[in-house]
């Protein structure tokens, strides 16, 4: 039996996470018996106390981690998952496939502690590390083999327009930010990037899909909405959206802007980057390790060397100066199979 344990999911779905897990579940279910364990499936996880999140995570993990001859896959491990796994490690009989999404900083107490826990996991014979970043895989010393997992392509067979978004036919280019607001995603640059972009490109608009989960980010989002309240060329979608709405956004926009702080974002992969690229959209992005490694020469990506508004303005100028056709975008397909890469990891783990 294979268990998919996802304590990050909740009643409020985020587009990429929901899409990724659906793809993973459908891929695994074709060949294996799969049981989903989603502790907060019918709850709004963001409104629960940390104590309740921890206890629910612990109890749900405890009930399956002692089972022999089973595999537990953690596709989106949380801090609570890592802590619970560490506490329960001495009684763990199940084989664990752990998806690592970013490199933690040893100079920060919380992240250094997480690194300590993770290093103890990966030296055990029943833990297998997978990631979609080569740098993440190479940063860990593991007992078992590691596996590179590709990001799945998104298909746009069903799209649903968010009711808050209205885009005029006269618009020339649609730029967008998307995702949960975090400092490491460069939220402090949003205002300047928006102003410079709209000033440089007539009839362009900016669509900001932004969700704030803490007081600091909520304040930043409120300030952004206040700043552009009277600007008809700026549209905010400030809530969690369905997978279909997220697909509509990625299908509708022309340019996705990603001002990630490379140092603090580490090597964590960006779902929006890959998904936007998979449907032929243009991307203006800082040089995230995994992305620059894989798409350095891709003509749809305009790389930014410095994390400041003027560098993004220069990238935007290059995009328009090169007279890049936004009508004839080609769909990008990953070189390897998402399903096959997961099956390799699972077969290896079964034989441990």
C-alpha atoms as a PDB file:
ATOM      1  CA  UNK A   1       0.000   0.000   0.000  1.00  0.00           C
ATOM      2  CA  UNK A   2       1.162   3.523  -0.806  1.00  0.00           C
ATOM      3  CA  UNK A   3      -0.019   6.435   1.319  1.00  0.00           C
ATOM      4  CA  UNK A   4       0.107   9.977   0.026  1.00  0.00           C
ATOM      5  CA  UNK A   5       0.391  12.168   3.124  1.00  0.00           C
ATOM      6  CA  UNK A   6      -0.247  15.857   2.527  1.00  0.00           C
ATOM      7  CA  UNK A   7      -0.803  18.034   5.582  1.00  0.00           C
ATOM      8  CA  UNK A   8      -0.307  21.227   3.562  1.00  0.00           C
ATOM      9  CA  UNK A   9      -3.580  20.931   1.657  1.00  0.00           C
ATOM     10  CA  UNK A  10      -6.793  22.349   3.029  1.00  0.00           C
ATOM     11  CA  UNK A  11     -10.201  23.646   2.069  1.00  0.00           C
ATOM     12  CA  UNK A  12      -8.607  26.714   0.474  1.00  0.00           C
ATOM     13  CA  UNK A  13      -6.758  25.311  -2.515  1.00  0.00           C
ATOM     14  CA  UNK A  14      -3.841  27.013  -4.211  1.00  0.00           C
ATOM     15  CA  UNK A  15      -3.586  26.402  -7.936  1.00  0.00           C
ATOM     16  CA  UNK A  16      -0.170  24.806  -8.377  1.00  0.00           C
ATOM     17  CA  UNK A  17      -0.320  22.653  -5.255  1.00  0.00           C
ATOM     18  CA  UNK A  18      -3.760  21.280  -6.104  1.00  0.00           C
ATOM     19  CA  UNK A  19      -2.766  20.667  -9.717  1.00  0.00           C
ATOM     20  CA  UNK A  20       0.517  18.932  -8.781  1.00  0.00           C
ATOM     21  CA  UNK A  21      -1.130  16.565  -6.297  1.00  0.00           C
ATOM     22  CA  UNK A  22      -3.890  15.653  -8.757  1.00  0.00           C
ATOM     23  CA  UNK A  23      -1.238  14.768 -11.338  1.00  0.00           C
ATOM     24  CA  UNK A  24       0.738  12.766  -8.781  1.00  0.00           C
ATOM     25  CA  UNK A  25      -2.309  10.846  -7.569  1.00  0.00           C
ATOM     26  CA  UNK A  26      -3.494  10.009 -11.090  1.00  0.00           C
ATOM     27  CA  UNK A  27       0.005   8.897 -12.117  1.00  0.00           C
ATOM     28  CA  UNK A  28       0.588   6.628  -9.118  1.00  0.00           C
ATOM     29  CA  UNK A  29      -2.941   5.194  -9.151  1.00  0.00           C
ATOM     30  CA  UNK A  30      -2.389   3.738 -12.618  1.00  0.00           C
ATOM     31  CA  UNK A  31       0.107   1.222 -11.258  1.00  0.00           C
ATOM     32  CA  UNK A  32      -0.301   1.074  -7.466  1.00  0.00           C
ATOM     33  CA  UNK A  33      -2.929   0.989  -4.745  1.00  0.00           C
ATOM     34  CA  UNK A  34      -2.955   4.473  -3.271  1.00  0.00           C
ATOM     35  CA  UNK A  35      -4.607   5.839  -0.147  1.00  0.00           C
ATOM     36  CA  UNK A  36      -4.722   9.598   0.378  1.00  0.00           C
ATOM     37  CA  UNK A  37      -4.182  10.975   3.877  1.00  0.00           C
ATOM     38  CA  UNK A  38      -4.999  14.685   3.956  1.00  0.00           C
ATOM     39  CA  UNK A  39      -5.543  15.788   7.586  1.00  0.00           C
ATOM     40  CA  UNK A  40      -6.906  19.245   6.736  1.00  0.00           C
ATOM     41  CA  UNK A  41      -8.837  18.403   3.584  1.00  0.00           C
ATOM     42  CA  UNK A  42     -12.108  19.813   4.949  1.00  0.00           C
ATOM     43  CA  UNK A  43     -10.615  22.563   7.115  1.00  0.00           C
ATOM     44  CA  UNK A  44      -9.059  25.952   6.473  1.00  0.00           C
ATOM     45  CA  UNK A  45      -5.567  25.122   7.709  1.00  0.00           C
ATOM     46  CA  UNK A  46      -4.500  28.777   7.779  1.00  0.00           C
ATOM     47  CA  UNK A  47      -7.091  29.558  10.453  1.00  0.00           C
ATOM     48  CA  UNK A  48      -6.061  26.775  12.829  1.00  0.00           C
ATOM     49  CA  UNK A  49      -3.696  27.175  15.763  1.00  0.00           C
ATOM     50  CA  UNK A  50      -0.178  25.766  15.474  1.00  0.00           C
ATOM     51  CA  UNK A  51      -0.939  23.385  18.344  1.00  0.00           C
ATOM     52  CA  UNK A  52      -3.936  21.927  16.535  1.00  0.00           C
ATOM     53  CA  UNK A  53      -2.001  21.619  13.283  1.00  0.00           C
ATOM     54  CA  UNK A  54       0.828  19.814  15.059  1.00  0.00           C
ATOM     55  CA  UNK A  55      -1.451  17.422  16.967  1.00  0.00           C
ATOM     56  CA  UNK A  56      -3.507  16.530  13.896  1.00  0.00           C
ATOM     57  CA  UNK A  57      -0.353  16.003  11.829  1.00  0.00           C
ATOM     58  CA  UNK A  58       1.210  13.886  14.575  1.00  0.00           C
ATOM     59  CA  UNK A  59      -1.845  11.657  15.104  1.00  0.00           C
ATOM     60  CA  UNK A  60      -2.362  11.056  11.379  1.00  0.00           C
ATOM     61  CA  UNK A  61       1.306  10.235  10.816  1.00  0.00           C
ATOM     62  CA  UNK A  62       1.429   8.041  13.922  1.00  0.00           C
ATOM     63  CA  UNK A  63      -1.444   5.911  12.599  1.00  0.00           C
ATOM     64  CA  UNK A  64       0.382   4.970   9.393  1.00  0.00           C
ATOM     65  CA  UNK A  65       4.090   5.303  10.132  1.00  0.00           C
ATOM     66  CA  UNK A  66       4.186   2.095  12.190  1.00  0.00           C
ATOM     67  CA  UNK A  67       2.800   0.024   9.320  1.00  0.00           C
ATOM     68  CA  UNK A  68       5.249  -2.393   7.791  1.00  0.00           C
ATOM     69  CA  UNK A  69       5.493  -3.047   4.028  1.00  0.00           C
ATOM     70  CA  UNK A  70       4.048   0.305   3.009  1.00  0.00           C
ATOM     71  CA  UNK A  71       5.343   3.516   1.465  1.00  0.00           C
ATOM     72  CA  UNK A  72       4.455   7.026   2.617  1.00  0.00           C
ATOM     73  CA  UNK A  73       4.986   9.806   0.076  1.00  0.00           C
ATOM     74  CA  UNK A  74       5.213  13.387   1.339  1.00  0.00           C
ATOM     75  CA  UNK A  75       4.811  15.582  -1.788  1.00  0.00           C
ATOM     76  CA  UNK A  76       4.649  18.868   0.116  1.00  0.00           C
ATOM     77  CA  UNK A  77       6.349  18.371   3.508  1.00  0.00           C
ATOM     78  CA  UNK A  78       5.639  21.061   6.092  1.00  0.00           C
ATOM     79  CA  UNK A  79       7.624  22.107   9.154  1.00  0.00           C
ATOM     80  CA  UNK A  80       5.134  20.155  11.282  1.00  0.00           C
ATOM     81  CA  UNK A  81       5.660  17.052   9.123  1.00  0.00           C
ATOM     82  CA  UNK A  82       9.432  17.246   9.615  1.00  0.00           C
ATOM     83  CA  UNK A  83       9.131  17.681  13.375  1.00  0.00           C
ATOM     84  CA  UNK A  84       6.640  14.813  13.699  1.00  0.00           C
ATOM     85  CA  UNK A  85       8.765  12.535  11.537  1.00  0.00           C
ATOM     86  CA  UNK A  86      11.759  13.230  13.747  1.00  0.00           C
ATOM     87  CA  UNK A  87       9.827  12.482  16.954  1.00  0.00           C
ATOM     88  CA  UNK A  88       8.406   9.288  15.452  1.00  0.00           C
ATOM     89  CA  UNK A  89      11.585   8.137  13.715  1.00  0.00           C
ATOM     90  CA  UNK A  90      12.419   5.483  16.311  1.00  0.00           C
ATOM     91  CA  UNK A  91       9.138   3.624  15.697  1.00  0.00           C
ATOM     92  CA  UNK A  92       8.951   4.176  11.950  1.00  0.00           C
ATOM     93  CA  UNK A  93       8.535   0.950   9.975  1.00  0.00           C
ATOM     94  CA  UNK A  94       7.158   2.437   6.773  1.00  0.00           C
ATOM     95  CA  UNK A  95       9.380   3.501   3.901  1.00  0.00           C
ATOM     96  CA  UNK A  96       9.334   7.256   3.358  1.00  0.00           C
ATOM     97  CA  UNK A  97       9.666   9.149   0.074  1.00  0.00           C
ATOM     98  CA  UNK A  98      10.396  12.739   1.017  1.00  0.00           C
ATOM     99  CA  UNK A  99      10.046  15.518  -1.567  1.00  0.00           C
ATOM    100  CA  UNK A 100      12.524  18.274  -0.672  1.00  0.00           C
ATOM    101  CA  UNK A 101      11.643  21.608  -2.246  1.00  0.00           C
ATOM    102  CA  UNK A 102      14.280  23.994  -0.959  1.00  0.00           C
ATOM    103  CA  UNK A 103      17.641  24.385   0.718  1.00  0.00           C
ATOM    104  CA  UNK A 104      17.497  25.592   4.309  1.00  0.00           C
ATOM    105  CA  UNK A 105      19.907  28.149   5.752  1.00  0.00           C
ATOM    106  CA  UNK A 106      22.129  26.847   8.566  1.00  0.00           C
ATOM    107  CA  UNK A 107      22.561  30.413   9.868  1.00  0.00           C
ATOM    108  CA  UNK A 108      18.908  30.713  10.883  1.00  0.00           C
ATOM    109  CA  UNK A 109      17.905  28.817  14.026  1.00  0.00           C
ATOM    110  CA  UNK A 110      14.643  27.363  12.696  1.00  0.00           C
ATOM    111  CA  UNK A 111      16.161  26.310   9.373  1.00  0.00           C
ATOM    112  CA  UNK A 112      19.305  24.951  11.027  1.00  0.00           C
ATOM    113  CA  UNK A 113      17.077  22.792  13.226  1.00  0.00           C
ATOM    114  CA  UNK A 114      15.145  21.558  10.193  1.00  0.00           C
ATOM    115  CA  UNK A 115      18.447  20.725   8.508  1.00  0.00           C
ATOM    116  CA  UNK A 116      19.478  18.711  11.568  1.00  0.00           C
ATOM    117  CA  UNK A 117      16.235  16.712  11.434  1.00  0.00           C
ATOM    118  CA  UNK A 118      16.491  16.148   7.685  1.00  0.00           C
ATOM    119  CA  UNK A 119      20.092  14.986   7.819  1.00  0.00           C
ATOM    120  CA  UNK A 120      19.096  12.417  10.407  1.00  0.00           C
ATOM    121  CA  UNK A 121      16.312  11.175   8.079  1.00  0.00           C
ATOM    122  CA  UNK A 122      18.449  10.818   4.995  1.00  0.00           C
ATOM    123  CA  UNK A 123      21.052   8.659   6.726  1.00  0.00           C
ATOM    124  CA  UNK A 124      18.366   6.052   7.493  1.00  0.00           C
ATOM    125  CA  UNK A 125      17.814   3.056   5.217  1.00  0.00           C
ATOM    126  CA  UNK A 126      14.048   3.611   4.883  1.00  0.00           C
ATOM    127  CA  UNK A 127      14.178   7.236   3.662  1.00  0.00           C
ATOM    128  CA  UNK A 128      14.408   8.165  -0.022  1.00  0.00           C
ATOM    129  CA  UNK A 129      14.976  11.747  -1.122  1.00  0.00           C
ATOM    130  CA  UNK A 130      13.363  13.122  -4.285  1.00  0.00           C
ATOM    131  CA  UNK A 131      13.354  16.653  -5.686  1.00  0.00           C
ATOM    132  CA  UNK A 132      12.906  18.585  -8.912  1.00  0.00           C
ATOM    133  CA  UNK A 133      16.163  20.487  -8.317  1.00  0.00           C
ATOM    134  CA  UNK A 134      19.598  18.973  -8.970  1.00  0.00           C
ATOM    135  CA  UNK A 135      21.178  21.395  -6.513  1.00  0.00           C
ATOM    136  CA  UNK A 136      18.892  20.217  -3.722  1.00  0.00           C
ATOM    137  CA  UNK A 137      19.698  16.570  -4.456  1.00  0.00           C
ATOM    138  CA  UNK A 138      23.436  17.214  -4.525  1.00  0.00           C
ATOM    139  CA  UNK A 139      23.345  19.160  -1.245  1.00  0.00           C
ATOM    140  CA  UNK A 140      22.367  16.118   0.848  1.00  0.00           C
ATOM    141  CA  UNK A 141      24.425  13.085   1.874  1.00  0.00           C
ATOM    142  CA  UNK A 142      21.946  10.229   1.677  1.00  0.00           C
ATOM    143  CA  UNK A 143      22.024   6.542   2.550  1.00  0.00           C
ATOM    144  CA  UNK A 144      19.896   5.634  -0.476  1.00  0.00           C
ATOM    145  CA  UNK A 145      19.838   6.801  -4.073  1.00  0.00           C
ATOM    146  CA  UNK A 146      18.131  10.107  -4.841  1.00  0.00           C
ATOM    147  CA  UNK A 147      15.683  10.770  -7.687  1.00  0.00           C
ATOM    148  CA  UNK A 148      15.088  13.793  -9.898  1.00  0.00           C
ATOM    149  CA  UNK A 149      11.352  14.388 -10.379  1.00  0.00           C
ATOM    150  CA  UNK A 150      10.119  16.499 -13.271  1.00  0.00           C
ATOM    151  CA  UNK A 151       7.413  19.141 -12.922  1.00  0.00           C
ATOM    152  CA  UNK A 152       4.322  18.036 -14.862  1.00  0.00           C
ATOM    153  CA  UNK A 153       2.977  19.974 -17.816  1.00  0.00           C
ATOM    154  CA  UNK A 154      -0.325  21.704 -17.351  1.00  0.00           C
ATOM    155  CA  UNK A 155      -3.078  21.113 -19.874  1.00  0.00           C
ATOM    156  CA  UNK A 156      -5.742  23.745 -20.454  1.00  0.00           C
ATOM    157  CA  UNK A 157      -8.729  21.608 -21.301  1.00  0.00           C
ATOM    158  CA  UNK A 158     -10.890  23.258 -18.637  1.00  0.00           C
ATOM    159  CA  UNK A 159     -10.555  26.920 -17.700  1.00  0.00           C
ATOM    160  CA  UNK A 160     -12.705  29.080 -15.482  1.00  0.00           C
ATOM    161  CA  UNK A 161     -12.507  32.863 -15.342  1.00  0.00           C
ATOM    162  CA  UNK A 162     -12.372  34.350 -11.803  1.00  0.00           C
ATOM    163  CA  UNK A 163     -15.414  36.575 -11.419  1.00  0.00           C
ATOM    164  CA  UNK A 164     -13.333  39.469 -10.022  1.00  0.00           C
ATOM    165  CA  UNK A 165     -11.211  39.750 -13.166  1.00  0.00           C
ATOM    166  CA  UNK A 166     -12.360  41.786 -16.139  1.00  0.00           C
ATOM    167  CA  UNK A 167      -9.901  42.426 -18.971  1.00  0.00           C
ATOM    168  CA  UNK A 168     -10.676  44.865 -21.793  1.00  0.00           C
ATOM    169  CA  UNK A 169     -10.175  43.830 -25.406  1.00  0.00           C
ATOM    170  CA  UNK A 170      -7.936  46.872 -26.022  1.00  0.00           C
ATOM    171  CA  UNK A 171      -5.201  45.553 -23.703  1.00  0.00           C
ATOM    172  CA  UNK A 172      -1.837  45.061 -25.427  1.00  0.00           C
ATOM    173  CA  UNK A 173       0.032  42.930 -22.877  1.00  0.00           C
ATOM    174  CA  UNK A 174      -1.040  41.284 -19.631  1.00  0.00           C
ATOM    175  CA  UNK A 175       1.684  41.034 -16.986  1.00  0.00           C
ATOM    176  CA  UNK A 176       1.138  39.086 -13.781  1.00  0.00           C
ATOM    177  CA  UNK A 177       2.389  38.156 -10.345  1.00  0.00           C
ATOM    178  CA  UNK A 178       0.868  35.046  -8.824  1.00  0.00           C
ATOM    179  CA  UNK A 179       0.968  33.061  -5.583  1.00  0.00           C
ATOM    180  CA  UNK A 180       1.182  33.359  -1.826  1.00  0.00           C
ATOM    181  CA  UNK A 181       3.000  36.545  -0.753  1.00  0.00           C
ATOM    182  CA  UNK A 182       6.388  36.015   0.898  1.00  0.00           C
ATOM    183  CA  UNK A 183       9.414  38.263   1.317  1.00  0.00           C
ATOM    184  CA  UNK A 184      11.581  35.816  -0.603  1.00  0.00           C
ATOM    185  CA  UNK A 185       9.302  36.203  -3.620  1.00  0.00           C
ATOM    186  CA  UNK A 186      10.247  39.874  -3.865  1.00  0.00           C
ATOM    187  CA  UNK A 187       6.937  41.331  -2.749  1.00  0.00           C
ATOM    188  CA  UNK A 188       8.713  44.555  -1.720  1.00  0.00           C
ATOM    189  CA  UNK A 189       9.475  45.186  -5.413  1.00  0.00           C
ATOM    190  CA  UNK A 190       5.921  44.734  -6.673  1.00  0.00           C
ATOM    191  CA  UNK A 191       4.914  48.406  -6.518  1.00  0.00           C
ATOM    192  CA  UNK A 192       7.935  49.742  -8.420  1.00  0.00           C
ATOM    193  CA  UNK A 193       7.818  46.970 -11.018  1.00  0.00           C
ATOM    194  CA  UNK A 194       4.125  47.610 -11.670  1.00  0.00           C
ATOM    195  CA  UNK A 195       4.598  51.379 -12.025  1.00  0.00           C
ATOM    196  CA  UNK A 196       7.614  51.073 -14.353  1.00  0.00           C
ATOM    197  CA  UNK A 197       5.981  48.407 -16.505  1.00  0.00           C
ATOM    198  CA  UNK A 198       2.730  50.307 -17.002  1.00  0.00           C
ATOM    199  CA  UNK A 199       4.639  53.517 -17.714  1.00  0.00           C
ATOM    200  CA  UNK A 200       6.863  51.856 -20.322  1.00  0.00           C
ATOM    201  CA  UNK A 201       4.221  49.815 -22.175  1.00  0.00           C
ATOM    202  CA  UNK A 202       1.015  51.636 -23.210  1.00  0.00           C
ATOM    203  CA  UNK A 203      -2.269  49.711 -22.907  1.00  0.00           C
ATOM    204  CA  UNK A 204      -0.634  47.028 -20.785  1.00  0.00           C
ATOM    205  CA  UNK A 205      -2.178  45.852 -17.519  1.00  0.00           C
ATOM    206  CA  UNK A 206      -0.968  44.052 -14.419  1.00  0.00           C
ATOM    207  CA  UNK A 207      -2.882  41.173 -12.828  1.00  0.00           C
ATOM    208  CA  UNK A 208      -1.832  40.426  -9.252  1.00  0.00           C
ATOM    209  CA  UNK A 209      -2.980  37.122  -7.821  1.00  0.00           C
ATOM    210  CA  UNK A 210      -1.810  37.484  -4.220  1.00  0.00           C
ATOM    211  CA  UNK A 211      -2.715  35.640  -1.042  1.00  0.00           C
ATOM    212  CA  UNK A 212      -1.462  36.915   2.332  1.00  0.00           C
ATOM    213  CA  UNK A 213      -1.179  34.443   5.209  1.00  0.00           C
ATOM    214  CA  UNK A 214       0.420  36.546   7.954  1.00  0.00           C
ATOM    215  CA  UNK A 215       0.045  40.053   9.381  1.00  0.00           C
ATOM    216  CA  UNK A 216       3.112  41.453   7.651  1.00  0.00           C
ATOM    217  CA  UNK A 217       2.038  40.222   4.211  1.00  0.00           C
ATOM    218  CA  UNK A 218      -1.561  41.292   4.779  1.00  0.00           C
ATOM    219  CA  UNK A 219      -0.317  44.808   5.493  1.00  0.00           C
ATOM    220  CA  UNK A 220       1.807  44.810   2.330  1.00  0.00           C
ATOM    221  CA  UNK A 221      -1.136  43.591   0.279  1.00  0.00           C
ATOM    222  CA  UNK A 222      -3.432  46.245   1.765  1.00  0.00           C
ATOM    223  CA  UNK A 223      -0.879  48.937   0.907  1.00  0.00           C
ATOM    224  CA  UNK A 224      -0.577  47.666  -2.658  1.00  0.00           C
ATOM    225  CA  UNK A 225      -4.343  47.608  -3.121  1.00  0.00           C
ATOM    226  CA  UNK A 226      -4.599  51.112  -1.673  1.00  0.00           C
ATOM    227  CA  UNK A 227      -1.829  52.417  -3.951  1.00  0.00           C
ATOM    228  CA  UNK A 228      -3.480  51.126  -7.132  1.00  0.00           C
ATOM    229  CA  UNK A 229      -7.111  51.427  -6.069  1.00  0.00           C
ATOM    230  CA  UNK A 230      -7.934  54.058  -8.703  1.00  0.00           C
ATOM    231  CA  UNK A 231      -5.779  52.559 -11.430  1.00  0.00           C
ATOM    232  CA  UNK A 232      -7.932  50.612 -13.891  1.00  0.00           C
ATOM    233  CA  UNK A 233      -4.843  48.979 -15.357  1.00  0.00           C
ATOM    234  CA  UNK A 234      -4.127  47.051 -12.153  1.00  0.00           C
ATOM    235  CA  UNK A 235      -6.364  44.151 -11.074  1.00  0.00           C
ATOM    236  CA  UNK A 236      -6.098  42.271  -7.782  1.00  0.00           C
ATOM    237  CA  UNK A 237      -7.306  38.753  -7.102  1.00  0.00           C
ATOM    238  CA  UNK A 238      -6.662  38.472  -3.363  1.00  0.00           C
ATOM    239  CA  UNK A 239      -7.880  35.018  -2.417  1.00  0.00           C
ATOM    240  CA  UNK A 240      -7.123  31.345  -2.859  1.00  0.00           C
ATOM    241  CA  UNK A 241      -8.354  30.193  -6.235  1.00  0.00           C
ATOM    242  CA  UNK A 242      -9.425  26.887  -7.707  1.00  0.00           C
ATOM    243  CA  UNK A 243      -7.236  24.859 -10.013  1.00  0.00           C
ATOM    244  CA  UNK A 244      -9.478  25.829 -12.947  1.00  0.00           C
ATOM    245  CA  UNK A 245      -9.204  29.552 -12.116  1.00  0.00           C
ATOM    246  CA  UNK A 246      -5.444  29.252 -11.831  1.00  0.00           C
ATOM    247  CA  UNK A 247      -5.346  27.582 -15.244  1.00  0.00           C
ATOM    248  CA  UNK A 248      -7.401  30.477 -16.655  1.00  0.00           C
ATOM    249  CA  UNK A 249      -4.875  33.008 -15.320  1.00  0.00           C
ATOM    250  CA  UNK A 250      -1.868  31.195 -16.778  1.00  0.00           C
ATOM    251  CA  UNK A 251      -3.716  30.765 -20.071  1.00  0.00           C
ATOM    252  CA  UNK A 252      -4.793  34.424 -20.276  1.00  0.00           C
ATOM    253  CA  UNK A 253      -1.628  36.309 -19.299  1.00  0.00           C
ATOM    254  CA  UNK A 254       1.252  37.137 -21.642  1.00  0.00           C
ATOM    255  CA  UNK A 255       4.140  37.653 -19.222  1.00  0.00           C
ATOM    256  CA  UNK A 256       4.705  36.184 -15.749  1.00  0.00           C
ATOM    257  CA  UNK A 257       7.015  38.266 -13.556  1.00  0.00           C
ATOM    258  CA  UNK A 258       9.003  36.454 -10.845  1.00  0.00           C
ATOM    259  CA  UNK A 259      11.179  38.744  -8.678  1.00  0.00           C
ATOM    260  CA  UNK A 260      12.430  35.950  -6.411  1.00  0.00           C
ATOM    261  CA  UNK A 261      15.270  36.664  -4.013  1.00  0.00           C
ATOM    262  CA  UNK A 262      17.608  33.901  -5.170  1.00  0.00           C
ATOM    263  CA  UNK A 263      19.517  33.707  -1.873  1.00  0.00           C
ATOM    264  CA  UNK A 264      16.525  33.402   0.430  1.00  0.00           C
ATOM    265  CA  UNK A 265      14.441  31.359  -2.006  1.00  0.00           C
ATOM    266  CA  UNK A 266      17.421  29.012  -2.254  1.00  0.00           C
ATOM    267  CA  UNK A 267      16.894  26.317  -4.853  1.00  0.00           C
ATOM    268  CA  UNK A 268      13.207  25.873  -4.300  1.00  0.00           C
ATOM    269  CA  UNK A 269      11.423  25.260  -7.571  1.00  0.00           C
ATOM    270  CA  UNK A 270       8.735  27.621  -8.797  1.00  0.00           C
ATOM    271  CA  UNK A 271       5.545  25.928  -9.935  1.00  0.00           C
ATOM    272  CA  UNK A 272       4.265  29.044 -11.746  1.00  0.00           C
ATOM    273  CA  UNK A 273       7.560  29.304 -13.682  1.00  0.00           C
ATOM    274  CA  UNK A 274       7.302  25.809 -15.106  1.00  0.00           C
ATOM    275  CA  UNK A 275       3.572  25.909 -15.711  1.00  0.00           C
ATOM    276  CA  UNK A 276       3.658  29.274 -17.476  1.00  0.00           C
ATOM    277  CA  UNK A 277       6.535  28.039 -19.614  1.00  0.00           C
ATOM    278  CA  UNK A 278       4.696  24.822 -20.425  1.00  0.00           C
ATOM    279  CA  UNK A 279       1.929  26.813 -22.127  1.00  0.00           C
ATOM    280  CA  UNK A 280       4.275  29.112 -24.028  1.00  0.00           C
ATOM    281  CA  UNK A 281       4.123  32.236 -21.891  1.00  0.00           C
ATOM    282  CA  UNK A 282       6.969  34.718 -21.518  1.00  0.00           C
ATOM    283  CA  UNK A 283       8.722  34.893 -18.154  1.00  0.00           C
ATOM    284  CA  UNK A 284      10.813  37.630 -16.566  1.00  0.00           C
ATOM    285  CA  UNK A 285      12.686  36.049 -13.674  1.00  0.00           C
ATOM    286  CA  UNK A 286      15.742  36.199 -11.485  1.00  0.00           C
ATOM    287  CA  UNK A 287      18.192  33.331 -11.978  1.00  0.00           C
ATOM    288  CA  UNK A 288      16.790  30.619  -9.720  1.00  0.00           C
ATOM    289  CA  UNK A 289      19.352  27.814  -9.670  1.00  0.00           C
ATOM    290  CA  UNK A 290      17.181  25.024 -11.021  1.00  0.00           C
ATOM    291  CA  UNK A 291      15.483  27.227 -13.624  1.00  0.00           C
ATOM    292  CA  UNK A 292      18.642  28.840 -14.990  1.00  0.00           C
ATOM    293  CA  UNK A 293      20.320  25.432 -15.083  1.00  0.00           C
ATOM    294  CA  UNK A 294      17.506  23.980 -17.174  1.00  0.00           C
ATOM    295  CA  UNK A 295      16.233  26.919 -19.250  1.00  0.00           C
ATOM    296  CA  UNK A 296      19.289  29.154 -19.636  1.00  0.00           C
ATOM    297  CA  UNK A 297      18.860  29.374 -23.428  1.00  0.00           C
ATOM    298  CA  UNK A 298      15.072  29.296 -23.630  1.00  0.00           C
ATOM    299  CA  UNK A 299      13.877  32.234 -25.757  1.00  0.00           C
ATOM    300  CA  UNK A 300      10.718  32.605 -23.679  1.00  0.00           C
ATOM    301  CA  UNK A 301      12.660  33.471 -20.512  1.00  0.00           C
ATOM    302  CA  UNK A 302      14.177  36.916 -19.890  1.00  0.00           C
ATOM    303  CA  UNK A 303      16.688  36.626 -17.076  1.00  0.00           C
ATOM    304  CA  UNK A 304      17.269  39.336 -14.484  1.00  0.00           C
ATOM    305  CA  UNK A 305      20.768  39.672 -12.999  1.00  0.00           C
ATOM    306  CA  UNK A 306      20.046  42.069 -10.114  1.00  0.00           C
ATOM    307  CA  UNK A 307      17.072  42.079  -7.770  1.00  0.00           C
ATOM    308  CA  UNK A 308      15.932  45.672  -8.280  1.00  0.00           C
ATOM    309  CA  UNK A 309      13.190  47.484 -10.257  1.00  0.00           C
ATOM    310  CA  UNK A 310      15.554  48.890 -12.901  1.00  0.00           C
ATOM    311  CA  UNK A 311      16.782  45.378 -13.803  1.00  0.00           C
ATOM    312  CA  UNK A 312      13.202  44.209 -14.306  1.00  0.00           C
ATOM    313  CA  UNK A 313      12.512  47.338 -16.354  1.00  0.00           C
ATOM    314  CA  UNK A 314      15.502  46.480 -18.555  1.00  0.00           C
ATOM    315  CA  UNK A 315      14.226  42.914 -19.035  1.00  0.00           C
ATOM    316  CA  UNK A 316      10.799  44.259 -19.979  1.00  0.00           C
ATOM    317  CA  UNK A 317      12.428  46.603 -22.510  1.00  0.00           C
ATOM    318  CA  UNK A 318      14.323  43.674 -24.020  1.00  0.00           C
ATOM    319  CA  UNK A 319      11.124  41.666 -24.280  1.00  0.00           C
ATOM    320  CA  UNK A 320       9.390  44.417 -26.254  1.00  0.00           C
ATOM    321  CA  UNK A 321      12.487  45.606 -28.162  1.00  0.00           C
ATOM    322  CA  UNK A 322      13.124  42.122 -29.528  1.00  0.00           C
ATOM    323  CA  UNK A 323       9.582  42.320 -30.922  1.00  0.00           C
ATOM    324  CA  UNK A 324       8.867  38.939 -29.436  1.00  0.00           C
ATOM    325  CA  UNK A 325       5.671  37.514 -30.859  1.00  0.00           C
ATOM    326  CA  UNK A 326       3.162  36.800 -28.153  1.00  0.00           C
ATOM    327  CA  UNK A 327       0.722  35.347 -30.661  1.00  0.00           C
ATOM    328  CA  UNK A 328       2.885  32.431 -31.819  1.00  0.00           C
ATOM    329  CA  UNK A 329       3.995  31.025 -28.480  1.00  0.00           C
ATOM    330  CA  UNK A 330       4.928  27.379 -28.587  1.00  0.00           C
ATOM    331  CA  UNK A 331       3.983  24.991 -25.839  1.00  0.00           C
ATOM    332  CA  UNK A 332       6.993  23.713 -23.900  1.00  0.00           C
ATOM    333  CA  UNK A 333       7.137  20.062 -22.909  1.00  0.00           C
ATOM    334  CA  UNK A 334       9.409  18.576 -20.289  1.00  0.00           C
ATOM    335  CA  UNK A 335      12.085  16.257 -21.601  1.00  0.00           C
ATOM    336  CA  UNK A 336      11.254  13.391 -19.299  1.00  0.00           C
ATOM    337  CA  UNK A 337       8.051  11.902 -18.009  1.00  0.00           C
ATOM    338  CA  UNK A 338       6.579  13.005 -14.704  1.00  0.00           C
ATOM    339  CA  UNK A 339       4.925   9.603 -14.294  1.00  0.00           C
ATOM    340  CA  UNK A 340       8.067   7.643 -15.185  1.00  0.00           C
ATOM    341  CA  UNK A 341      10.292   9.589 -12.796  1.00  0.00           C
ATOM    342  CA  UNK A 342       7.909   8.951  -9.910  1.00  0.00           C
ATOM    343  CA  UNK A 343       7.608   5.255 -10.806  1.00  0.00           C
ATOM    344  CA  UNK A 344      11.401   4.857 -10.731  1.00  0.00           C
ATOM    345  CA  UNK A 345      11.508   6.336  -7.231  1.00  0.00           C
ATOM    346  CA  UNK A 346       8.646   4.126  -6.022  1.00  0.00           C
ATOM    347  CA  UNK A 347      10.075   0.896  -7.504  1.00  0.00           C
ATOM    348  CA  UNK A 348      13.428   1.606  -5.889  1.00  0.00           C
ATOM    349  CA  UNK A 349      11.791   2.286  -2.509  1.00  0.00           C
ATOM    350  CA  UNK A 350       9.700  -0.898  -2.706  1.00  0.00           C
ATOM    351  CA  UNK A 351      12.898  -2.925  -3.081  1.00  0.00           C
ATOM    352  CA  UNK A 352      14.693  -1.442  -0.075  1.00  0.00           C
END
